[in-house]
Amino acid sequence: MTDSKNINNPVGQGGGQRKKLSRAERQNNGPHRNLDRQGAADRKAELVRKMREKARAAEDAGQASDGTARS
């Protein structure tokens, strides 16, 4: 099978021509990227929230131990 170097002229690939990609899609910035970015932002927000909760719990535990030491 002969492979063409031109993405819009797939020789021997079968199925006809491929969709012509926009410049953004060729740079991997297609419409799917927005969903990927949103998912990453959601995961980061969740991670930050969990870290803040842990820090708050550790801070509260530290204050509780300081309070018992003073009594």
Protein backbone atom coordinates (compact mmCIF):
# COMPACT_ATOMS: atom_id res chain seq x y z
CA MET A 1 0.00 0.00 0.00
CA THR A 2 1.32 3.42 -0.95
CA ASP A 3 1.04 6.16 1.64
CA SER A 4 0.69 9.73 0.55
CA LYS A 5 2.46 12.49 2.45
CA ASN A 6 -0.44 14.85 1.82
CA ILE A 7 -3.12 14.38 4.51
CA ASN A 8 -5.88 15.45 2.10
CA ASN A 9 -4.86 12.92 -0.55
CA PRO A 10 -4.69 9.49 1.13
CA VAL A 11 -3.56 7.20 -1.66
CA GLY A 12 -4.55 3.60 -1.04
CA GLN A 13 -6.32 4.38 2.24
CA GLY A 14 -9.81 3.53 1.05
CA GLY A 15 -12.92 5.42 1.99
CA GLY A 16 -12.25 8.46 -0.18
CA GLN A 17 -10.71 11.72 0.87
CA ARG A 18 -10.29 12.77 4.45
CA LYS A 19 -11.90 15.83 5.90
CA LYS A 20 -9.81 18.92 5.31
CA LEU A 21 -8.61 20.05 8.71
CA SER A 22 -8.69 23.66 9.73
CA ARG A 23 -5.48 25.28 10.89
CA ALA A 24 -6.59 25.04 14.53
CA GLU A 25 -7.43 21.35 14.17
CA ARG A 26 -4.06 20.64 12.56
CA GLN A 27 -2.43 22.20 15.62
CA ASN A 28 -4.56 19.96 17.83
CA ASN A 29 -6.71 22.89 18.98
CA GLY A 30 -9.99 21.55 17.64
CA PRO A 31 -13.39 21.85 19.31
CA HIS A 32 -12.64 18.79 21.45
CA ARG A 33 -9.87 20.75 23.16
CA ASN A 34 -12.36 23.03 24.90
CA LEU A 35 -13.95 19.99 26.54
CA ASP A 36 -10.52 18.69 27.55
CA ARG A 37 -9.64 22.03 29.10
CA GLN A 38 -12.96 22.20 30.95
CA GLY A 39 -12.44 18.70 32.34
CA ALA A 40 -8.93 19.60 33.45
CA ALA A 41 -10.20 22.76 35.13
CA ASP A 42 -12.87 20.75 36.96
CA ARG A 43 -10.30 18.21 38.18
CA LYS A 44 -7.98 21.01 39.33
CA ALA A 45 -10.79 22.77 41.20
CA GLU A 46 -11.71 19.51 42.94
CA LEU A 47 -8.07 18.89 43.89
CA VAL A 48 -7.67 22.42 45.26
CA ARG A 49 -10.87 22.04 47.29
CA LYS A 50 -9.65 18.75 48.79
CA MET A 51 -6.25 20.24 49.62
CA ARG A 52 -7.87 23.23 51.35
CA GLU A 53 -10.10 20.91 53.37
CA LYS A 54 -7.07 18.87 54.47
CA ALA A 55 -5.16 22.03 55.37
CA ARG A 56 -8.14 23.33 57.36
CA ALA A 57 -8.48 20.00 59.18
CA ALA A 58 -4.75 19.96 59.99
CA GLU A 59 -4.92 23.57 61.17
CA ASP A 60 -7.92 22.79 63.38
CA ALA A 61 -6.14 19.75 64.80
CA GLY A 62 -3.08 21.89 65.51
CA GLN A 63 -5.15 24.53 67.29
CA ALA A 64 -6.92 21.85 69.31
CA SER A 65 -3.61 20.41 70.48
CA ASP A 66 -2.35 23.91 71.32
CA GLY A 67 -5.49 24.58 73.31
CA THR A 68 -5.08 21.41 75.39
CA ALA A 69 -1.44 22.20 76.08
CA ARG A 70 -2.36 25.58 77.59
CA SER A 71 -5.04 24.22 79.91
